Each structure stands twice: as C-alpha cells, then as structure tokens.
Amino acid sequence: MKQASISIKDHNKKKNAQILIEGELVVGSLHKVKEELTAAVSRYSTLTIVVKNVSAIDLTFLQLLFAVKKSLALVHKSFSFHVELPDEITTLLSRSGFADLSLMLQPIHSSPAKK
C-alpha cells in the first residue's frame, strides 16, 4: 500500500490552494498530514481539499477531515472537499454511517434570519 502523501498547489499568490491527500490514510500517517493541513489552514484564504487514490482510510482520518472542516468554518474561510474513493471503501463507509463523505464535508450555509 502507498503511504499517505499530501501535496499543496499554491494559486494566486498564496490566497488559494489545492491540497491533494492520497494513499493509505490511517493513524500511522496522521501526524504528517495533520501538520501540513494545519499550516495550510492558517496560510490560505480559500482551500480545495482533494482526497483520491486512497488505498485505506480509518476513523482517525475521517475525524481529521471533519476537524479541518470545523476549523475552516470557525475562521470563515472558503473551502470545498472532493472525495474520490474506491467502491469497496465507499461501500464500507456507507455501511458505517458515512454514506456520502463528500457531501458531509461541504460547508453548511445558514439561511438569513427572517424578520
């Protein structure tokens, strides 16, 4: 299996970035990916996080992705997640309550209060 890797493609003079996360997304590689994601959250105003070419994923990585989503929302940064998983991982996640991971990771926009 391919160990987890993360790469950052900088756009528009460090305002926007695309972050690619791939490989074996398990607890053993969590620290490296977490450090890179944390740095990117503080450095860029708009982030596109792409998760693909995944050979394995565990609960710790799912928790990391949800924590990143929450952190980005708290600091009011624009972001999107694009998650492409193999069918067998998608099926396993669906049976575990994560039916549509991409949708679950998208920002929640609240509607304006009615007067």
N, C-alpha and C. Protein backbone atom coordinates (compact mmCIF):
# COMPACT_ATOMS: atom_id res chain seq x y z
N MET A 1 0.83 -1.19 0.00
CA MET A 1 0.00 0.00 0.00
C MET A 1 0.88 1.25 0.00
N LYS A 2 0.38 2.28 -0.62
CA LYS A 2 1.10 3.54 -0.71
C LYS A 2 0.87 4.35 0.56
N GLN A 3 1.96 4.76 1.20
CA GLN A 3 1.85 5.58 2.40
C GLN A 3 1.16 6.90 2.07
N ALA A 4 0.51 7.48 3.06
CA ALA A 4 -0.20 8.74 2.85
C ALA A 4 0.75 9.83 2.36
N SER A 5 0.26 10.63 1.44
CA SER A 5 1.03 11.78 0.98
C SER A 5 0.09 12.97 0.87
N ILE A 6 0.68 14.13 1.01
CA ILE A 6 -0.08 15.38 0.89
C ILE A 6 0.76 16.34 0.06
N SER A 7 0.12 16.98 -0.90
CA SER A 7 0.81 17.98 -1.70
C SER A 7 -0.08 19.21 -1.81
N ILE A 8 0.56 20.36 -1.86
CA ILE A 8 -0.17 21.63 -1.90
C ILE A 8 0.23 22.38 -3.15
N LYS A 9 -0.78 22.73 -3.93
CA LYS A 9 -0.57 23.53 -5.14
C LYS A 9 -1.07 24.94 -4.85
N ASP A 10 -0.15 25.87 -4.82
CA ASP A 10 -0.43 27.26 -4.49
C ASP A 10 -0.99 27.99 -5.72
N HIS A 11 -2.06 28.76 -5.53
CA HIS A 11 -2.66 29.56 -6.60
C HIS A 11 -2.78 31.01 -6.15
N ASN A 12 -2.72 31.92 -7.08
CA ASN A 12 -3.00 33.35 -6.82
C ASN A 12 -2.23 33.95 -5.64
N LYS A 13 -0.94 33.85 -5.69
CA LYS A 13 -0.09 34.49 -4.67
C LYS A 13 -0.48 34.11 -3.24
N LYS A 14 -0.61 32.84 -3.01
CA LYS A 14 -0.88 32.27 -1.69
C LYS A 14 -2.25 32.60 -1.12
N LYS A 15 -3.19 32.98 -1.95
CA LYS A 15 -4.54 33.19 -1.44
C LYS A 15 -5.36 31.91 -1.54
N ASN A 16 -5.14 31.15 -2.60
CA ASN A 16 -5.90 29.93 -2.84
C ASN A 16 -4.94 28.76 -2.99
N ALA A 17 -5.39 27.59 -2.52
CA ALA A 17 -4.56 26.41 -2.66
C ALA A 17 -5.42 25.18 -2.86
N GLN A 18 -4.86 24.23 -3.59
CA GLN A 18 -5.47 22.92 -3.72
C GLN A 18 -4.58 21.94 -2.97
N ILE A 19 -5.18 21.18 -2.08
CA ILE A 19 -4.45 20.21 -1.28
C ILE A 19 -4.87 18.82 -1.71
N LEU A 20 -3.91 18.03 -2.11
CA LEU A 20 -4.17 16.65 -2.55
C LEU A 20 -3.68 15.71 -1.46
N ILE A 21 -4.60 14.86 -0.98
CA ILE A 21 -4.27 13.85 0.02
C ILE A 21 -4.57 12.49 -0.61
N GLU A 22 -3.59 11.59 -0.56
CA GLU A 22 -3.79 10.28 -1.15
C GLU A 22 -2.97 9.22 -0.44
N GLY A 23 -3.27 7.97 -0.76
CA GLY A 23 -2.53 6.85 -0.21
C GLY A 23 -3.27 6.16 0.91
N GLU A 24 -2.51 5.60 1.85
CA GLU A 24 -3.05 4.87 2.99
C GLU A 24 -3.31 5.86 4.12
N LEU A 25 -4.57 6.26 4.28
CA LEU A 25 -4.96 7.29 5.24
C LEU A 25 -5.37 6.64 6.55
N VAL A 26 -4.36 6.31 7.34
CA VAL A 26 -4.58 5.62 8.60
C VAL A 26 -3.78 6.30 9.70
N VAL A 27 -4.02 5.88 10.93
CA VAL A 27 -3.46 6.54 12.10
C VAL A 27 -1.94 6.70 12.02
N GLY A 28 -1.23 5.77 11.42
CA GLY A 28 0.22 5.85 11.35
C GLY A 28 0.75 7.04 10.57
N SER A 29 -0.04 7.57 9.66
CA SER A 29 0.41 8.71 8.86
C SER A 29 -0.36 9.99 9.20
N LEU A 30 -1.14 9.94 10.25
CA LEU A 30 -1.98 11.07 10.63
C LEU A 30 -1.17 12.32 10.97
N HIS A 31 -0.12 12.17 11.73
CA HIS A 31 0.64 13.32 12.22
C HIS A 31 1.18 14.17 11.06
N LYS A 32 1.78 13.53 10.08
CA LYS A 32 2.35 14.25 8.93
C LYS A 32 1.28 15.05 8.19
N VAL A 33 0.16 14.41 7.89
CA VAL A 33 -0.91 15.07 7.15
C VAL A 33 -1.52 16.18 7.99
N LYS A 34 -1.71 15.95 9.27
CA LYS A 34 -2.31 16.96 10.16
C LYS A 34 -1.44 18.22 10.19
N GLU A 35 -0.13 18.07 10.30
CA GLU A 35 0.76 19.23 10.33
C GLU A 35 0.63 20.06 9.05
N GLU A 36 0.63 19.39 7.91
CA GLU A 36 0.53 20.09 6.62
C GLU A 36 -0.82 20.79 6.48
N LEU A 37 -1.90 20.11 6.87
CA LEU A 37 -3.24 20.71 6.78
C LEU A 37 -3.37 21.91 7.71
N THR A 38 -2.84 21.80 8.91
CA THR A 38 -2.91 22.90 9.87
C THR A 38 -2.17 24.13 9.33
N ALA A 39 -1.02 23.91 8.76
CA ALA A 39 -0.25 25.02 8.17
C ALA A 39 -1.02 25.65 7.01
N ALA A 40 -1.63 24.84 6.18
CA ALA A 40 -2.38 25.36 5.03
C ALA A 40 -3.60 26.15 5.47
N VAL A 41 -4.28 25.69 6.52
CA VAL A 41 -5.46 26.42 7.02
C VAL A 41 -5.08 27.83 7.45
N SER A 42 -3.92 27.97 8.08
CA SER A 42 -3.52 29.31 8.52
C SER A 42 -2.94 30.16 7.39
N ARG A 43 -2.44 29.53 6.35
CA ARG A 43 -1.75 30.24 5.27
C ARG A 43 -2.67 30.74 4.15
N TYR A 44 -3.71 30.00 3.82
CA TYR A 44 -4.53 30.31 2.65
C TYR A 44 -5.94 30.75 3.03
N SER A 45 -6.54 31.59 2.20
CA SER A 45 -7.91 32.04 2.47
C SER A 45 -8.95 31.14 1.83
N THR A 46 -8.59 30.44 0.76
CA THR A 46 -9.51 29.52 0.09
C THR A 46 -8.79 28.21 -0.15
N LEU A 47 -9.44 27.12 0.27
CA LEU A 47 -8.83 25.80 0.14
C LEU A 47 -9.75 24.84 -0.59
N THR A 48 -9.18 24.09 -1.49
CA THR A 48 -9.87 22.97 -2.11
C THR A 48 -9.10 21.73 -1.69
N ILE A 49 -9.76 20.85 -0.96
CA ILE A 49 -9.11 19.65 -0.45
C ILE A 49 -9.60 18.46 -1.26
N VAL A 50 -8.67 17.79 -1.92
CA VAL A 50 -8.99 16.65 -2.77
C VAL A 50 -8.42 15.39 -2.12
N VAL A 51 -9.29 14.41 -1.92
CA VAL A 51 -8.88 13.12 -1.37
C VAL A 51 -9.14 12.09 -2.46
N LYS A 52 -8.05 11.45 -2.96
CA LYS A 52 -8.22 10.44 -4.00
C LYS A 52 -7.06 9.47 -3.97
N ASN A 53 -7.16 8.44 -4.80
CA ASN A 53 -6.15 7.38 -4.84
C ASN A 53 -5.92 6.81 -3.45
N VAL A 54 -7.02 6.55 -2.75
CA VAL A 54 -6.97 6.07 -1.37
C VAL A 54 -6.95 4.54 -1.37
N SER A 55 -5.97 3.98 -0.67
CA SER A 55 -5.90 2.52 -0.56
C SER A 55 -6.50 2.03 0.76
N ALA A 56 -6.57 2.91 1.77
CA ALA A 56 -7.18 2.58 3.06
C ALA A 56 -7.49 3.89 3.77
N ILE A 57 -8.54 3.86 4.59
CA ILE A 57 -8.88 5.04 5.41
C ILE A 57 -9.48 4.52 6.70
N ASP A 58 -9.13 5.16 7.82
CA ASP A 58 -9.69 4.73 9.09
C ASP A 58 -10.38 5.90 9.79
N LEU A 59 -10.95 5.60 10.94
CA LEU A 59 -11.73 6.61 11.66
C LEU A 59 -10.90 7.83 12.05
N THR A 60 -9.63 7.65 12.36
CA THR A 60 -8.81 8.80 12.74
C THR A 60 -8.71 9.80 11.60
N PHE A 61 -8.61 9.31 10.37
CA PHE A 61 -8.54 10.24 9.23
C PHE A 61 -9.89 10.88 8.97
N LEU A 62 -10.96 10.15 9.14
CA LEU A 62 -12.29 10.76 8.99
C LEU A 62 -12.46 11.88 10.03
N GLN A 63 -12.02 11.62 11.26
CA GLN A 63 -12.10 12.64 12.30
C GLN A 63 -11.25 13.86 11.94
N LEU A 64 -10.08 13.62 11.37
CA LEU A 64 -9.22 14.73 10.95
C LEU A 64 -9.91 15.57 9.89
N LEU A 65 -10.53 14.94 8.91
CA LEU A 65 -11.22 15.69 7.85
C LEU A 65 -12.36 16.53 8.42
N PHE A 66 -13.13 15.95 9.35
CA PHE A 66 -14.22 16.71 9.97
C PHE A 66 -13.69 17.84 10.85
N ALA A 67 -12.56 17.63 11.52
CA ALA A 67 -11.95 18.69 12.33
C ALA A 67 -11.47 19.84 11.45
N VAL A 68 -10.90 19.51 10.30
CA VAL A 68 -10.46 20.55 9.36
C VAL A 68 -11.66 21.35 8.87
N LYS A 69 -12.75 20.65 8.54
CA LYS A 69 -13.97 21.34 8.10
C LYS A 69 -14.44 22.32 9.19
N LYS A 70 -14.48 21.86 10.42
CA LYS A 70 -14.94 22.71 11.52
C LYS A 70 -14.01 23.90 11.72
N SER A 71 -12.70 23.67 11.66
CA SER A 71 -11.73 24.76 11.82
C SER A 71 -11.88 25.81 10.74
N LEU A 72 -12.06 25.36 9.50
CA LEU A 72 -12.22 26.30 8.38
C LEU A 72 -13.50 27.12 8.54
N ALA A 73 -14.57 26.47 8.97
CA ALA A 73 -15.83 27.18 9.16
C ALA A 73 -15.71 28.21 10.30
N LEU A 74 -15.01 27.85 11.36
CA LEU A 74 -14.86 28.76 12.50
C LEU A 74 -14.10 30.02 12.16
N VAL A 75 -13.14 29.92 11.25
CA VAL A 75 -12.36 31.09 10.87
C VAL A 75 -12.89 31.72 9.57
N HIS A 76 -14.06 31.27 9.13
CA HIS A 76 -14.77 31.83 7.99
C HIS A 76 -13.94 31.80 6.69
N LYS A 77 -13.29 30.68 6.44
CA LYS A 77 -12.54 30.53 5.20
C LYS A 77 -13.37 29.75 4.19
N SER A 78 -13.17 30.07 2.93
CA SER A 78 -13.86 29.35 1.86
C SER A 78 -13.14 28.03 1.62
N PHE A 79 -13.92 26.97 1.47
CA PHE A 79 -13.32 25.66 1.25
C PHE A 79 -14.29 24.72 0.57
N SER A 80 -13.72 23.69 -0.03
CA SER A 80 -14.53 22.59 -0.56
C SER A 80 -13.71 21.32 -0.47
N PHE A 81 -14.40 20.22 -0.35
CA PHE A 81 -13.79 18.90 -0.33
C PHE A 81 -14.26 18.14 -1.56
N HIS A 82 -13.36 17.41 -2.17
CA HIS A 82 -13.69 16.50 -3.27
C HIS A 82 -13.09 15.16 -2.89
N VAL A 83 -13.96 14.18 -2.64
CA VAL A 83 -13.51 12.88 -2.17
C VAL A 83 -13.84 11.82 -3.21
N GLU A 84 -12.81 11.15 -3.70
CA GLU A 84 -12.97 10.05 -4.66
C GLU A 84 -12.40 8.80 -4.03
N LEU A 85 -13.27 7.87 -3.68
CA LEU A 85 -12.84 6.64 -3.02
C LEU A 85 -13.18 5.43 -3.87
N PRO A 86 -12.39 4.36 -3.75
CA PRO A 86 -12.72 3.12 -4.45
C PRO A 86 -14.07 2.58 -3.97
N ASP A 87 -14.74 1.83 -4.82
CA ASP A 87 -16.07 1.31 -4.49
C ASP A 87 -16.11 0.53 -3.18
N GLU A 88 -15.09 -0.29 -2.92
CA GLU A 88 -15.12 -1.10 -1.70
C GLU A 88 -15.02 -0.24 -0.45
N ILE A 89 -14.28 0.86 -0.50
CA ILE A 89 -14.20 1.77 0.65
C ILE A 89 -15.49 2.57 0.78
N THR A 90 -16.06 2.99 -0.34
CA THR A 90 -17.34 3.70 -0.32
C THR A 90 -18.43 2.84 0.30
N THR A 91 -18.47 1.57 -0.07
CA THR A 91 -19.46 0.64 0.48
C THR A 91 -19.27 0.48 1.98
N LEU A 92 -18.04 0.29 2.42
CA LEU A 92 -17.75 0.14 3.84
C LEU A 92 -18.16 1.40 4.62
N LEU A 93 -17.81 2.56 4.11
CA LEU A 93 -18.19 3.81 4.78
C LEU A 93 -19.70 3.99 4.82
N SER A 94 -20.36 3.63 3.74
CA SER A 94 -21.82 3.75 3.69
C SER A 94 -22.47 2.87 4.76
N ARG A 95 -21.96 1.68 4.92
CA ARG A 95 -22.49 0.76 5.93
C ARG A 95 -22.15 1.21 7.34
N SER A 96 -21.18 2.11 7.46
CA SER A 96 -20.76 2.62 8.77
C SER A 96 -21.40 3.97 9.10
N GLY A 97 -22.28 4.46 8.23
CA GLY A 97 -22.97 5.72 8.50
C GLY A 97 -22.40 6.93 7.80
N PHE A 98 -21.43 6.71 6.92
CA PHE A 98 -20.82 7.81 6.17
C PHE A 98 -21.18 7.64 4.70
N ALA A 99 -22.47 7.68 4.40
CA ALA A 99 -22.95 7.37 3.06
C ALA A 99 -22.37 8.26 1.97
N ASP A 100 -22.29 9.54 2.20
CA ASP A 100 -21.74 10.44 1.19
C ASP A 100 -20.75 11.37 1.86
N LEU A 101 -19.52 10.92 1.94
CA LEU A 101 -18.49 11.66 2.65
C LEU A 101 -18.26 13.04 2.06
N SER A 102 -18.26 13.15 0.73
CA SER A 102 -18.06 14.46 0.09
C SER A 102 -19.12 15.45 0.54
N LEU A 103 -20.36 15.01 0.55
CA LEU A 103 -21.47 15.89 0.94
C LEU A 103 -21.37 16.26 2.42
N MET A 104 -20.98 15.32 3.26
CA MET A 104 -20.87 15.57 4.70
C MET A 104 -19.78 16.59 5.01
N LEU A 105 -18.79 16.69 4.15
CA LEU A 105 -17.66 17.58 4.40
C LEU A 105 -17.85 18.98 3.81
N GLN A 106 -18.91 19.20 3.08
CA GLN A 106 -19.12 20.52 2.48
C GLN A 106 -19.59 21.52 3.53
N PRO A 107 -19.30 22.80 3.30
CA PRO A 107 -19.73 23.83 4.26
C PRO A 107 -21.25 23.89 4.37
N ILE A 108 -21.69 24.20 5.54
CA ILE A 108 -23.12 24.39 5.77
C ILE A 108 -23.40 25.88 5.74
N HIS A 109 -24.27 26.29 4.85
CA HIS A 109 -24.62 27.71 4.74
C HIS A 109 -25.95 27.92 5.42
N SER A 110 -25.96 28.79 6.41
CA SER A 110 -27.22 29.06 7.09
C SER A 110 -27.98 30.12 6.32
N SER A 111 -29.27 30.01 6.34
CA SER A 111 -30.09 31.00 5.65
C SER A 111 -30.24 32.22 6.55
N PRO A 112 -30.40 33.40 5.95
CA PRO A 112 -30.56 34.61 6.74
C PRO A 112 -31.81 34.54 7.61
N ALA A 113 -31.74 35.14 8.78
CA ALA A 113 -32.88 35.15 9.68
C ALA A 113 -34.02 35.94 9.09
N LYS A 114 -35.21 35.39 9.25
CA LYS A 114 -36.41 36.08 8.73
C LYS A 114 -36.84 37.13 9.74
N LYS A 115 -37.33 38.25 9.19
CA LYS A 115 -37.81 39.34 10.05
C LYS A 115 -39.30 39.28 10.19
